[in-house]
PDB file of N, CA and C in Angstrom:
ATOM      1  N   MET A   1       0.847  -1.181   0.000  1.00  0.00           N
ATOM      2  CA  MET A   1       0.000   0.000   0.000  1.00  0.00           C
ATOM      3  C   MET A   1       0.896   1.249   0.000  1.00  0.00           C
ATOM      4  N   THR A   2       0.643   2.143  -0.925  1.00  0.00           N
ATOM      5  CA  THR A   2       1.440   3.355  -1.061  1.00  0.00           C
ATOM      6  C   THR A   2       0.697   4.539  -0.451  1.00  0.00           C
ATOM      7  N   THR A   3       1.359   5.210   0.495  1.00  0.00           N
ATOM      8  CA  THR A   3       0.815   6.427   1.087  1.00  0.00           C
ATOM      9  C   THR A   3       1.821   7.545   0.852  1.00  0.00           C
ATOM     10  N   LEU A   4       1.349   8.605   0.206  1.00  0.00           N
ATOM     11  CA  LEU A   4       2.199   9.755  -0.103  1.00  0.00           C
ATOM     12  C   LEU A   4       1.689  10.998   0.613  1.00  0.00           C
ATOM     13  N   ILE A   5       2.613  11.802   1.097  1.00  0.00           N
ATOM     14  CA  ILE A   5       2.298  13.085   1.710  1.00  0.00           C
ATOM     15  C   ILE A   5       2.676  14.155   0.686  1.00  0.00           C
ATOM     16  N   PHE A   6       1.787  15.121   0.479  1.00  0.00           N
ATOM     17  CA  PHE A   6       2.069  16.113  -0.566  1.00  0.00           C
ATOM     18  C   PHE A   6       1.560  17.491  -0.199  1.00  0.00           C
ATOM     19  N   ASP A   7       2.048  18.469  -0.937  1.00  0.00           N
ATOM     20  CA  ASP A   7       1.609  19.855  -0.806  1.00  0.00           C
ATOM     21  C   ASP A   7       1.665  20.501  -2.184  1.00  0.00           C
ATOM     22  N   VAL A   8       0.678  21.315  -2.472  1.00  0.00           N
ATOM     23  CA  VAL A   8       0.579  22.026  -3.752  1.00  0.00           C
ATOM     24  C   VAL A   8       0.855  23.504  -3.524  1.00  0.00           C
ATOM     25  N   GLU A   9       1.641  24.088  -4.401  1.00  0.00           N
ATOM     26  CA  GLU A   9       1.813  25.542  -4.436  1.00  0.00           C
ATOM     27  C   GLU A   9       1.303  26.016  -5.792  1.00  0.00           C
ATOM     28  N   ALA A  10       0.373  26.974  -5.761  1.00  0.00           N
ATOM     29  CA  ALA A  10      -0.237  27.458  -7.001  1.00  0.00           C
ATOM     30  C   ALA A  10      -0.313  28.976  -6.979  1.00  0.00           C
ATOM     31  N   ASN A  11      -0.842  29.531  -8.041  1.00  0.00           N
ATOM     32  CA  ASN A  11      -0.850  30.989  -8.183  1.00  0.00           C
ATOM     33  C   ASN A  11      -2.102  31.656  -7.644  1.00  0.00           C
ATOM     34  N   GLY A  12      -2.906  30.953  -6.885  1.00  0.00           N
ATOM     35  CA  GLY A  12      -4.086  31.602  -6.329  1.00  0.00           C
ATOM     36  C   GLY A  12      -4.959  30.633  -5.560  1.00  0.00           C
ATOM     37  N   LEU A  13      -6.058  31.192  -5.079  1.00  0.00           N
ATOM     38  CA  LEU A  13      -7.061  30.381  -4.411  1.00  0.00           C
ATOM     39  C   LEU A  13      -7.943  29.728  -5.467  1.00  0.00           C
ATOM     40  N   LEU A  14      -8.869  28.913  -5.038  1.00  0.00           N
ATOM     41  CA  LEU A  14      -9.665  28.128  -5.991  1.00  0.00           C
ATOM     42  C   LEU A  14     -10.444  28.980  -6.985  1.00  0.00           C
ATOM     43  N   ASP A  15     -10.820  30.182  -6.604  1.00  0.00           N
ATOM     44  CA  ASP A  15     -11.607  31.018  -7.522  1.00  0.00           C
ATOM     45  C   ASP A  15     -10.763  31.694  -8.599  1.00  0.00           C
ATOM     46  N   THR A  16      -9.423  31.669  -8.446  1.00  0.00           N
ATOM     47  CA  THR A  16      -8.566  32.341  -9.435  1.00  0.00           C
ATOM     48  C   THR A  16      -7.437  31.469  -9.987  1.00  0.00           C
ATOM     49  N   ILE A  17      -7.243  30.302  -9.456  1.00  0.00           N
ATOM     50  CA  ILE A  17      -6.105  29.461  -9.826  1.00  0.00           C
ATOM     51  C   ILE A  17      -6.129  29.090 -11.314  1.00  0.00           C
ATOM     52  N   ASP A  18      -4.973  29.223 -11.952  1.00  0.00           N
ATOM     53  CA  ASP A  18      -4.838  28.708 -13.313  1.00  0.00           C
ATOM     54  C   ASP A  18      -3.466  28.054 -13.540  1.00  0.00           C
ATOM     55  N   THR A  19      -2.626  28.041 -12.492  1.00  0.00           N
ATOM     56  CA  THR A  19      -1.299  27.442 -12.610  1.00  0.00           C
ATOM     57  C   THR A  19      -0.898  26.776 -11.301  1.00  0.00           C
ATOM     58  N   ILE A  20      -0.470  25.540 -11.382  1.00  0.00           N
ATOM     59  CA  ILE A  20       0.184  24.900 -10.242  1.00  0.00           C
ATOM     60  C   ILE A  20       1.673  25.101 -10.453  1.00  0.00           C
ATOM     61  N   TRP A  21       2.297  25.825  -9.520  1.00  0.00           N
ATOM     62  CA  TRP A  21       3.728  26.087  -9.634  1.00  0.00           C
ATOM     63  C   TRP A  21       4.530  24.817  -9.379  1.00  0.00           C
ATOM     64  N   CYS A  22       4.158  24.109  -8.312  1.00  0.00           N
ATOM     65  CA  CYS A  22       4.899  22.889  -7.992  1.00  0.00           C
ATOM     66  C   CYS A  22       4.131  22.053  -6.985  1.00  0.00           C
ATOM     67  N   ILE A  23       4.528  20.794  -6.904  1.00  0.00           N
ATOM     68  CA  ILE A  23       3.994  19.858  -5.920  1.00  0.00           C
ATOM     69  C   ILE A  23       5.190  19.209  -5.240  1.00  0.00           C
ATOM     70  N   GLY A  24       5.169  19.197  -3.907  1.00  0.00           N
ATOM     71  CA  GLY A  24       6.168  18.469  -3.128  1.00  0.00           C
ATOM     72  C   GLY A  24       5.551  17.166  -2.669  1.00  0.00           C
ATOM     73  N   ILE A  25       6.265  16.061  -2.848  1.00  0.00           N
ATOM     74  CA  ILE A  25       5.745  14.737  -2.482  1.00  0.00           C
ATOM     75  C   ILE A  25       6.826  13.952  -1.751  1.00  0.00           C
ATOM     76  N   THR A  26       6.417  13.284  -0.685  1.00  0.00           N
ATOM     77  CA  THR A  26       7.300  12.346   0.001  1.00  0.00           C
ATOM     78  C   THR A  26       6.510  11.101   0.363  1.00  0.00           C
ATOM     79  N   ASP A  27       7.194   9.992   0.501  1.00  0.00           N
ATOM     80  CA  ASP A  27       6.564   8.751   0.927  1.00  0.00           C
ATOM     81  C   ASP A  27       6.348   8.811   2.431  1.00  0.00           C
ATOM     82  N   ALA A  28       5.213   8.347   2.901  1.00  0.00           N
ATOM     83  CA  ALA A  28       4.918   8.375   4.333  1.00  0.00           C
ATOM     84  C   ALA A  28       5.888   7.515   5.137  1.00  0.00           C
ATOM     85  N   LYS A  29       6.545   6.573   4.485  1.00  0.00           N
ATOM     86  CA  LYS A  29       7.514   5.712   5.174  1.00  0.00           C
ATOM     87  C   LYS A  29       8.852   6.420   5.369  1.00  0.00           C
ATOM     88  N   GLY A  30       9.025   7.570   4.746  1.00  0.00           N
ATOM     89  CA  GLY A  30      10.261   8.335   4.863  1.00  0.00           C
ATOM     90  C   GLY A  30      10.911   8.548   3.524  1.00  0.00           C
ATOM     91  N   GLY A  31      11.944   9.352   3.540  1.00  0.00           N
ATOM     92  CA  GLY A  31      12.655   9.649   2.304  1.00  0.00           C
ATOM     93  C   GLY A  31      12.626  11.125   2.006  1.00  0.00           C
ATOM     94  N   PRO A  32      13.239  11.502   0.893  1.00  0.00           N
ATOM     95  CA  PRO A  32      13.316  12.926   0.541  1.00  0.00           C
ATOM     96  C   PRO A  32      11.980  13.467   0.041  1.00  0.00           C
ATOM     97  N   VAL A  33      11.877  14.776   0.061  1.00  0.00           N
ATOM     98  CA  VAL A  33      10.739  15.448  -0.566  1.00  0.00           C
ATOM     99  C   VAL A  33      11.125  15.684  -2.017  1.00  0.00           C
ATOM    100  N   ASP A  34      10.358  15.121  -2.922  1.00  0.00           N
ATOM    101  CA  ASP A  34      10.591  15.311  -4.348  1.00  0.00           C
ATOM    102  C   ASP A  34       9.727  16.467  -4.835  1.00  0.00           C
ATOM    103  N   ILE A  35      10.330  17.377  -5.573  1.00  0.00           N
ATOM    104  CA  ILE A  35       9.622  18.537  -6.109  1.00  0.00           C
ATOM    105  C   ILE A  35       9.354  18.293  -7.593  1.00  0.00           C
ATOM    106  N   TYR A  36       8.120  18.581  -8.006  1.00  0.00           N
ATOM    107  CA  TYR A  36       7.712  18.437  -9.407  1.00  0.00           C
ATOM    108  C   TYR A  36       7.197  19.780  -9.891  1.00  0.00           C
ATOM    109  N   THR A  37       7.731  20.251 -11.002  1.00  0.00           N
ATOM    110  CA  THR A  37       7.311  21.546 -11.547  1.00  0.00           C
ATOM    111  C   THR A  37       7.668  21.624 -13.025  1.00  0.00           C
ATOM    112  N   ASP A  38       6.913  22.397 -13.750  1.00  0.00           N
ATOM    113  CA  ASP A  38       7.236  22.685 -15.147  1.00  0.00           C
ATOM    114  C   ASP A  38       7.913  24.051 -15.277  1.00  0.00           C
ATOM    115  N   HIS A  39       8.273  24.653 -14.147  1.00  0.00           N
ATOM    116  CA  HIS A  39       8.804  26.018 -14.142  1.00  0.00           C
ATOM    117  C   HIS A  39      10.270  26.088 -13.747  1.00  0.00           C
ATOM    118  N   ASP A  40      10.920  24.939 -13.613  1.00  0.00           N
ATOM    119  CA  ASP A  40      12.329  24.908 -13.229  1.00  0.00           C
ATOM    120  C   ASP A  40      12.912  23.581 -13.695  1.00  0.00           C
ATOM    121  N   SER A  41      13.841  23.625 -14.619  1.00  0.00           N
ATOM    122  CA  SER A  41      14.388  22.398 -15.212  1.00  0.00           C
ATOM    123  C   SER A  41      15.252  21.588 -14.247  1.00  0.00           C
ATOM    124  N   ASP A  42      15.511  22.104 -13.052  1.00  0.00           N
ATOM    125  CA  ASP A  42      16.259  21.347 -12.044  1.00  0.00           C
ATOM    126  C   ASP A  42      15.401  20.264 -11.379  1.00  0.00           C
ATOM    127  N   TYR A  43      14.092  20.307 -11.623  1.00  0.00           N
ATOM    128  CA  TYR A  43      13.166  19.368 -10.984  1.00  0.00           C
ATOM    129  C   TYR A  43      12.428  18.532 -12.026  1.00  0.00           C
ATOM    130  N   ARG A  44      11.803  17.469 -11.558  1.00  0.00           N
ATOM    131  CA  ARG A  44      11.026  16.596 -12.440  1.00  0.00           C
ATOM    132  C   ARG A  44       9.762  17.313 -12.922  1.00  0.00           C
ATOM    133  N   PRO A  45       9.244  16.898 -14.072  1.00  0.00           N
ATOM    134  CA  PRO A  45       8.032  17.528 -14.617  1.00  0.00           C
ATOM    135  C   PRO A  45       6.808  17.321 -13.717  1.00  0.00           C
ATOM    136  N   LEU A  46       5.937  18.297 -13.715  1.00  0.00           N
ATOM    137  CA  LEU A  46       4.725  18.255 -12.906  1.00  0.00           C
ATOM    138  C   LEU A  46       3.905  16.996 -13.191  1.00  0.00           C
ATOM    139  N   GLN A  47       3.791  16.606 -14.447  1.00  0.00           N
ATOM    140  CA  GLN A  47       2.974  15.445 -14.798  1.00  0.00           C
ATOM    141  C   GLN A  47       3.459  14.171 -14.091  1.00  0.00           C
ATOM    142  N   GLU A  48       4.757  14.045 -13.891  1.00  0.00           N
ATOM    143  CA  GLU A  48       5.300  12.893 -13.153  1.00  0.00           C
ATOM    144  C   GLU A  48       4.765  12.863 -11.728  1.00  0.00           C
ATOM    145  N   GLY A  49       4.717  14.018 -11.105  1.00  0.00           N
ATOM    146  CA  GLY A  49       4.179  14.102  -9.747  1.00  0.00           C
ATOM    147  C   GLY A  49       2.692  13.796  -9.709  1.00  0.00           C
ATOM    148  N   LEU A  50       1.958  14.317 -10.688  1.00  0.00           N
ATOM    149  CA  LEU A  50       0.521  14.033 -10.765  1.00  0.00           C
ATOM    150  C   LEU A  50       0.278  12.540 -10.961  1.00  0.00           C
ATOM    151  N   ASP A  51       1.074  11.906 -11.813  1.00  0.00           N
ATOM    152  CA  ASP A  51       0.938  10.464 -12.036  1.00  0.00           C
ATOM    153  C   ASP A  51       1.252   9.678 -10.763  1.00  0.00           C
ATOM    154  N   ARG A  52       2.274  10.114 -10.042  1.00  0.00           N
ATOM    155  CA  ARG A  52       2.651   9.449  -8.789  1.00  0.00           C
ATOM    156  C   ARG A  52       1.515   9.538  -7.774  1.00  0.00           C
ATOM    157  N   LEU A  53       0.919  10.718  -7.627  1.00  0.00           N
ATOM    158  CA  LEU A  53      -0.207  10.882  -6.712  1.00  0.00           C
ATOM    159  C   LEU A  53      -1.399  10.047  -7.149  1.00  0.00           C
ATOM    160  N   SER A  54      -1.696  10.064  -8.417  1.00  0.00           N
ATOM    161  CA  SER A  54      -2.839   9.327  -8.946  1.00  0.00           C
ATOM    162  C   SER A  54      -2.726   7.830  -8.678  1.00  0.00           C
ATOM    163  N   ALA A  55      -1.517   7.297  -8.735  1.00  0.00           N
ATOM    164  CA  ALA A  55      -1.287   5.859  -8.557  1.00  0.00           C
ATOM    165  C   ALA A  55      -1.270   5.427  -7.092  1.00  0.00           C
ATOM    166  N   ALA A  56      -1.142   6.370  -6.171  1.00  0.00           N
ATOM    167  CA  ALA A  56      -1.051   6.030  -4.742  1.00  0.00           C
ATOM    168  C   ALA A  56      -2.385   5.529  -4.203  1.00  0.00           C
ATOM    169  N   ASP A  57      -2.301   4.685  -3.195  1.00  0.00           N
ATOM    170  CA  ASP A  57      -3.517   4.223  -2.522  1.00  0.00           C
ATOM    171  C   ASP A  57      -4.106   5.345  -1.671  1.00  0.00           C
ATOM    172  N   THR A  58      -3.234   6.058  -0.958  1.00  0.00           N
ATOM    173  CA  THR A  58      -3.657   7.138  -0.072  1.00  0.00           C
ATOM    174  C   THR A  58      -2.742   8.333  -0.275  1.00  0.00           C
ATOM    175  N   VAL A  59      -3.336   9.522  -0.325  1.00  0.00           N
ATOM    176  CA  VAL A  59      -2.565  10.761  -0.394  1.00  0.00           C
ATOM    177  C   VAL A  59      -2.966  11.623   0.801  1.00  0.00           C
ATOM    178  N   VAL A  60      -1.976  12.225   1.429  1.00  0.00           N
ATOM    179  CA  VAL A  60      -2.175  12.972   2.671  1.00  0.00           C
ATOM    180  C   VAL A  60      -1.768  14.424   2.445  1.00  0.00           C
ATOM    181  N   ALA A  61      -2.638  15.346   2.860  1.00  0.00           N
ATOM    182  CA  ALA A  61      -2.315  16.770   2.767  1.00  0.00           C
ATOM    183  C   ALA A  61      -3.064  17.520   3.856  1.00  0.00           C
ATOM    184  N   HIS A  62      -2.479  18.606   4.312  1.00  0.00           N
ATOM    185  CA  HIS A  62      -3.142  19.472   5.298  1.00  0.00           C
ATOM    186  C   HIS A  62      -4.034  20.437   4.525  1.00  0.00           C
ATOM    187  N   ASN A  63      -5.309  20.403   4.809  1.00  0.00           N
ATOM    188  CA  ASN A  63      -6.346  21.122   4.057  1.00  0.00           C
ATOM    189  C   ASN A  63      -6.454  20.570   2.638  1.00  0.00           C
ATOM    190  N   GLY A  64      -6.150  19.308   2.497  1.00  0.00           N
ATOM    191  CA  GLY A  64      -6.193  18.644   1.194  1.00  0.00           C
ATOM    192  C   GLY A  64      -7.566  18.636   0.554  1.00  0.00           C
ATOM    193  N   LEU A  65      -8.609  18.431   1.356  1.00  0.00           N
ATOM    194  CA  LEU A  65      -9.971  18.445   0.806  1.00  0.00           C
ATOM    195  C   LEU A  65     -10.403  19.865   0.466  1.00  0.00           C
ATOM    196  N   GLY A  66      -9.938  20.815   1.254  1.00  0.00           N
ATOM    197  CA  GLY A  66     -10.336  22.208   1.066  1.00  0.00           C
ATOM    198  C   GLY A  66      -9.602  22.908  -0.063  1.00  0.00           C
ATOM    199  N   TYR A  67      -8.417  22.387  -0.431  1.00  0.00           N
ATOM    200  CA  TYR A  67      -7.657  23.081  -1.473  1.00  0.00           C
ATOM    201  C   TYR A  67      -6.952  22.135  -2.442  1.00  0.00           C
ATOM    202  N   ASP A  68      -6.000  21.355  -1.964  1.00  0.00           N
ATOM    203  CA  ASP A  68      -5.098  20.611  -2.853  1.00  0.00           C
ATOM    204  C   ASP A  68      -5.834  19.689  -3.829  1.00  0.00           C
ATOM    205  N   LEU A  69      -6.749  18.883  -3.331  1.00  0.00           N
ATOM    206  CA  LEU A  69      -7.505  17.966  -4.191  1.00  0.00           C
ATOM    207  C   LEU A  69      -8.286  18.746  -5.247  1.00  0.00           C
ATOM    208  N   GLN A  70      -8.958  19.801  -4.818  1.00  0.00           N
ATOM    209  CA  GLN A  70      -9.761  20.596  -5.754  1.00  0.00           C
ATOM    210  C   GLN A  70      -8.888  21.329  -6.776  1.00  0.00           C
ATOM    211  N   ALA A  71      -7.777  21.890  -6.309  1.00  0.00           N
ATOM    212  CA  ALA A  71      -6.888  22.620  -7.217  1.00  0.00           C
ATOM    213  C   ALA A  71      -6.345  21.697  -8.300  1.00  0.00           C
ATOM    214  N   ILE A  72      -5.883  20.529  -7.899  1.00  0.00           N
ATOM    215  CA  ILE A  72      -5.353  19.572  -8.879  1.00  0.00           C
ATOM    216  C   ILE A  72      -6.439  19.151  -9.858  1.00  0.00           C
ATOM    217  N   ASN A  73      -7.604  18.784  -9.343  1.00  0.00           N
ATOM    218  CA  ASN A  73      -8.657  18.284 -10.233  1.00  0.00           C
ATOM    219  C   ASN A  73      -9.290  19.372 -11.095  1.00  0.00           C
ATOM    220  N   MET A  74      -9.206  20.632 -10.664  1.00  0.00           N
ATOM    221  CA  MET A  74      -9.690  21.724 -11.521  1.00  0.00           C
ATOM    222  C   MET A  74      -8.817  21.856 -12.770  1.00  0.00           C
ATOM    223  N   LEU A  75      -7.499  21.752 -12.575  1.00  0.00           N
ATOM    224  CA  LEU A  75      -6.566  21.961 -13.682  1.00  0.00           C
ATOM    225  C   LEU A  75      -6.193  20.668 -14.404  1.00  0.00           C
ATOM    226  N   TYR A  76      -6.280  19.555 -13.699  1.00  0.00           N
ATOM    227  CA  TYR A  76      -5.940  18.231 -14.254  1.00  0.00           C
ATOM    228  C   TYR A  76      -7.054  17.269 -13.849  1.00  0.00           C
ATOM    229  N   PRO A  77      -8.208  17.335 -14.529  1.00  0.00           N
ATOM    230  CA  PRO A  77      -9.396  16.588 -14.119  1.00  0.00           C
ATOM    231  C   PRO A  77      -9.139  15.090 -13.899  1.00  0.00           C
ATOM    232  N   ASN A  78      -9.797  14.593 -12.856  1.00  0.00           N
ATOM    233  CA  ASN A  78      -9.796  13.163 -12.512  1.00  0.00           C
ATOM    234  C   ASN A  78      -8.431  12.620 -12.111  1.00  0.00           C
ATOM    235  N   THR A  79      -7.535  13.489 -11.677  1.00  0.00           N
ATOM    236  CA  THR A  79      -6.220  13.029 -11.225  1.00  0.00           C
ATOM    237  C   THR A  79      -6.326  12.349  -9.867  1.00  0.00           C
ATOM    238  N   LEU A  80      -7.025  12.987  -8.930  1.00  0.00           N
ATOM    239  CA  LEU A  80      -7.178  12.431  -7.589  1.00  0.00           C
ATOM    240  C   LEU A  80      -8.629  12.045  -7.341  1.00  0.00           C
ATOM    241  N   ARG A  81      -8.790  11.039  -6.485  1.00  0.00           N
ATOM    242  CA  ARG A  81     -10.124  10.581  -6.096  1.00  0.00           C
ATOM    243  C   ARG A  81     -10.370  10.942  -4.630  1.00  0.00           C
ATOM    244  N   PHE A  82     -11.568  11.327  -4.328  1.00  0.00           N
ATOM    245  CA  PHE A  82     -11.939  11.692  -2.960  1.00  0.00           C
ATOM    246  C   PHE A  82     -11.547  10.589  -1.976  1.00  0.00           C
ATOM    247  N   GLU A  83     -11.790   9.347  -2.343  1.00  0.00           N
ATOM    248  CA  GLU A  83     -11.532   8.228  -1.435  1.00  0.00           C
ATOM    249  C   GLU A  83     -10.037   7.993  -1.182  1.00  0.00           C
ATOM    250  N   GLN A  84      -9.165   8.578  -1.979  1.00  0.00           N
ATOM    251  CA  GLN A  84      -7.712   8.509  -1.748  1.00  0.00           C
ATOM    252  C   GLN A  84      -7.259   9.455  -0.642  1.00  0.00           C
ATOM    253  N   MET A  85      -8.014  10.494  -0.420  1.00  0.00           N
ATOM    254  CA  MET A  85      -7.569  11.646   0.359  1.00  0.00           C
ATOM    255  C   MET A  85      -7.684  11.433   1.859  1.00  0.00           C
ATOM    256  N   TYR A  86      -6.606  11.756   2.570  1.00  0.00           N
ATOM    257  CA  TYR A  86      -6.617  11.863   4.028  1.00  0.00           C
ATOM    258  C   TYR A  86      -6.181  13.286   4.337  1.00  0.00           C
ATOM    259  N   ASP A  87      -7.080  14.055   4.939  1.00  0.00           N
ATOM    260  CA  ASP A  87      -6.834  15.463   5.213  1.00  0.00           C
ATOM    261  C   ASP A  87      -6.468  15.627   6.682  1.00  0.00           C
ATOM    262  N   THR A  88      -5.223  16.025   6.950  1.00  0.00           N
ATOM    263  CA  THR A  88      -4.781  16.165   8.328  1.00  0.00           C
ATOM    264  C   THR A  88      -5.444  17.342   9.048  1.00  0.00           C
ATOM    265  N   MET A  89      -5.920  18.323   8.302  1.00  0.00           N
ATOM    266  CA  MET A  89      -6.632  19.427   8.937  1.00  0.00           C
ATOM    267  C   MET A  89      -7.978  18.937   9.476  1.00  0.00           C
ATOM    268  N   VAL A  90      -8.689  18.166   8.686  1.00  0.00           N
ATOM    269  CA  VAL A  90      -9.967  17.587   9.123  1.00  0.00           C
ATOM    270  C   VAL A  90      -9.725  16.652  10.304  1.00  0.00           C
ATOM    271  N   ALA A  91      -8.691  15.830  10.211  1.00  0.00           N
ATOM    272  CA  ALA A  91      -8.370  14.906  11.305  1.00  0.00           C
ATOM    273  C   ALA A  91      -8.084  15.680  12.598  1.00  0.00           C
ATOM    274  N   GLY A  92      -7.340  16.787  12.478  1.00  0.00           N
ATOM    275  CA  GLY A  92      -7.038  17.609  13.641  1.00  0.00           C
ATOM    276  C   GLY A  92      -8.287  18.224  14.246  1.00  0.00           C
ATOM    277  N   MET A  93      -9.193  18.684  13.401  1.00  0.00           N
ATOM    278  CA  MET A  93     -10.436  19.280  13.889  1.00  0.00           C
ATOM    279  C   MET A  93     -11.290  18.249  14.631  1.00  0.00           C
ATOM    280  N   LEU A  94     -11.297  17.023  14.126  1.00  0.00           N
ATOM    281  CA  LEU A  94     -12.070  15.966  14.783  1.00  0.00           C
ATOM    282  C   LEU A  94     -11.413  15.521  16.090  1.00  0.00           C
ATOM    283  N   ALA A  95     -10.086  15.462  16.105  1.00  0.00           N
ATOM    284  CA  ALA A  95      -9.360  15.018  17.296  1.00  0.00           C
ATOM    285  C   ALA A  95      -9.328  16.075  18.393  1.00  0.00           C
ATOM    286  N   GLU A  96      -9.235  17.346  18.007  1.00  0.00           N
ATOM    287  CA  GLU A  96      -9.133  18.437  18.976  1.00  0.00           C
ATOM    288  C   GLU A  96     -10.059  19.589  18.587  1.00  0.00           C
ATOM    289  N   PRO A  97     -11.370  19.396  18.708  1.00  0.00           N
ATOM    290  CA  PRO A  97     -12.294  20.454  18.279  1.00  0.00           C
ATOM    291  C   PRO A  97     -12.131  21.757  19.061  1.00  0.00           C
ATOM    292  N   GLU A  98     -11.568  21.680  20.262  1.00  0.00           N
ATOM    293  CA  GLU A  98     -11.398  22.875  21.085  1.00  0.00           C
ATOM    294  C   GLU A  98     -10.144  23.671  20.720  1.00  0.00           C
ATOM    295  N   ARG A  99      -9.284  23.108  19.895  1.00  0.00           N
ATOM    296  CA  ARG A  99      -8.036  23.781  19.517  1.00  0.00           C
ATOM    297  C   ARG A  99      -8.356  25.092  18.794  1.00  0.00           C
ATOM    298  N   ARG A 100      -7.623  26.130  19.128  1.00  0.00           N
ATOM    299  CA  ARG A 100      -7.882  27.452  18.549  1.00  0.00           C
ATOM    300  C   ARG A 100      -7.538  27.527  17.065  1.00  0.00           C
ATOM    301  N   SER A 101      -6.409  26.940  16.678  1.00  0.00           N
ATOM    302  CA  SER A 101      -5.994  26.997  15.277  1.00  0.00           C
ATOM    303  C   SER A 101      -5.575  25.614  14.791  1.00  0.00           C
ATOM    304  N   HIS A 102      -6.002  25.294  13.603  1.00  0.00           N
ATOM    305  CA  HIS A 102      -5.586  24.040  12.965  1.00  0.00           C
ATOM    306  C   HIS A 102      -4.676  24.315  11.770  1.00  0.00           C
ATOM    307  N   ALA A 103      -4.163  25.535  11.696  1.00  0.00           N
ATOM    308  CA  ALA A 103      -3.228  25.884  10.627  1.00  0.00           C
ATOM    309  C   ALA A 103      -1.956  25.061  10.786  1.00  0.00           C
ATOM    310  N   ILE A 104      -1.367  24.688   9.677  1.00  0.00           N
ATOM    311  CA  ILE A 104      -0.162  23.858   9.728  1.00  0.00           C
ATOM    312  C   ILE A 104       0.958  24.557  10.508  1.00  0.00           C
ATOM    313  N   LYS A 105       1.018  25.869  10.411  1.00  0.00           N
ATOM    314  CA  LYS A 105       2.036  26.625  11.146  1.00  0.00           C
ATOM    315  C   LYS A 105       1.880  26.441  12.657  1.00  0.00           C
ATOM    316  N   SER A 106       0.635  26.405  13.144  1.00  0.00           N
ATOM    317  CA  SER A 106       0.428  26.252  14.584  1.00  0.00           C
ATOM    318  C   SER A 106       0.853  24.864  15.067  1.00  0.00           C
ATOM    319  N   TYR A 107       0.656  23.853  14.248  1.00  0.00           N
ATOM    320  CA  TYR A 107       1.133  22.509  14.611  1.00  0.00           C
ATOM    321  C   TYR A 107       2.662  22.474  14.604  1.00  0.00           C
ATOM    322  N   GLY A 108       3.266  23.117  13.626  1.00  0.00           N
ATOM    323  CA  GLY A 108       4.718  23.189  13.571  1.00  0.00           C
ATOM    324  C   GLY A 108       5.302  23.850  14.801  1.00  0.00           C
ATOM    325  N   GLU A 109       4.656  24.930  15.252  1.00  0.00           N
ATOM    326  CA  GLU A 109       5.106  25.617  16.466  1.00  0.00           C
ATOM    327  C   GLU A 109       4.930  24.733  17.695  1.00  0.00           C
ATOM    328  N   GLN A 110       3.801  24.041  17.793  1.00  0.00           N
ATOM    329  CA  GLN A 110       3.538  23.179  18.941  1.00  0.00           C
ATOM    330  C   GLN A 110       4.565  22.050  19.041  1.00  0.00           C
ATOM    331  N   PHE A 111       4.866  21.429  17.926  1.00  0.00           N
ATOM    332  CA  PHE A 111       5.767  20.277  17.930  1.00  0.00           C
ATOM    333  C   PHE A 111       7.219  20.658  17.640  1.00  0.00           C
ATOM    334  N   LYS A 112       7.474  21.971  17.561  1.00  0.00           N
ATOM    335  CA  LYS A 112       8.825  22.474  17.281  1.00  0.00           C
ATOM    336  C   LYS A 112       9.421  21.814  16.032  1.00  0.00           C
ATOM    337  N   ALA A 113       8.588  21.769  15.018  1.00  0.00           N
ATOM    338  CA  ALA A 113       8.990  21.181  13.737  1.00  0.00           C
ATOM    339  C   ALA A 113       8.664  22.166  12.624  1.00  0.00           C
ATOM    340  N   PRO A 114       9.613  22.421  11.752  1.00  0.00           N
ATOM    341  CA  PRO A 114       9.326  23.347  10.645  1.00  0.00           C
ATOM    342  C   PRO A 114       8.341  22.727   9.659  1.00  0.00           C
ATOM    343  N   THR A 115       7.652  23.558   8.947  1.00  0.00           N
ATOM    344  CA  THR A 115       6.781  23.067   7.880  1.00  0.00           C
ATOM    345  C   THR A 115       7.660  22.879   6.649  1.00  0.00           C
ATOM    346  N   LEU A 116       8.206  21.691   6.509  1.00  0.00           N
ATOM    347  CA  LEU A 116       9.250  21.410   5.527  1.00  0.00           C
ATOM    348  C   LEU A 116       8.839  21.645   4.085  1.00  0.00           C
ATOM    349  N   PHE A 117       7.607  21.331   3.724  1.00  0.00           N
ATOM    350  CA  PHE A 117       7.215  21.503   2.336  1.00  0.00           C
ATOM    351  C   PHE A 117       7.266  22.963   1.933  1.00  0.00           C
ATOM    352  N   CYS A 118       6.974  23.845   2.866  1.00  0.00           N
ATOM    353  CA  CYS A 118       6.936  25.268   2.528  1.00  0.00           C
ATOM    354  C   CYS A 118       8.314  25.809   2.171  1.00  0.00           C
ATOM    355  N   ALA A 119       9.332  25.342   2.847  1.00  0.00           N
ATOM    356  CA  ALA A 119      10.671  25.896   2.637  1.00  0.00           C
ATOM    357  C   ALA A 119      11.180  25.744   1.206  1.00  0.00           C
ATOM    358  N   PRO A 120      11.249  24.525   0.634  1.00  0.00           N
ATOM    359  CA  PRO A 120      11.791  24.429  -0.711  1.00  0.00           C
ATOM    360  C   PRO A 120      10.880  25.019  -1.785  1.00  0.00           C
ATOM    361  N   MET A 121       9.606  25.186  -1.472  1.00  0.00           N
ATOM    362  CA  MET A 121       8.669  25.679  -2.475  1.00  0.00           C
ATOM    363  C   MET A 121       8.317  27.145  -2.287  1.00  0.00           C
ATOM    364  N   ALA A 122       8.914  27.797  -1.299  1.00  0.00           N
ATOM    365  CA  ALA A 122       8.545  29.177  -0.974  1.00  0.00           C
ATOM    366  C   ALA A 122       8.733  30.138  -2.137  1.00  0.00           C
ATOM    367  N   ARG A 123       9.710  29.890  -2.988  1.00  0.00           N
ATOM    368  CA  ARG A 123       9.947  30.828  -4.091  1.00  0.00           C
ATOM    369  C   ARG A 123       8.814  30.853  -5.121  1.00  0.00           C
ATOM    370  N   TYR A 124       7.913  29.857  -5.059  1.00  0.00           N
ATOM    371  CA  TYR A 124       6.783  29.823  -5.985  1.00  0.00           C
ATOM    372  C   TYR A 124       5.563  30.552  -5.438  1.00  0.00           C
ATOM    373  N   ARG A 125       5.656  31.092  -4.255  1.00  0.00           N
ATOM    374  CA  ARG A 125       4.512  31.788  -3.653  1.00  0.00           C
ATOM    375  C   ARG A 125       4.433  33.204  -4.138  1.00  0.00           C
TER     376      ARG A 125
END
């Protein structure tokens, strides 16, 4: 069973998005974060990343249902399936409904862990 953790960086919110700048993907079992983009020849093509996500049994993202899944499927229809998605933001809300913030930054601060996907992809924001 393949479980991948991913993050999408794009040029806008769902009402204005027309470009995915890049996708960061790592295997849940560990390993490097692979960056996929069509905007920098130092990285693998975006389509490779989309194919990798599409083939996975489970894909994990923070606010994945609210943004990442929709953004990908708006621009690349039928790439991801709802039943593949595990949204850590939804999981956090269910586990700790009293928590003030479920933003990924607040979890990073609590656990003293940087939000790793943001760092290598920050230049696309």
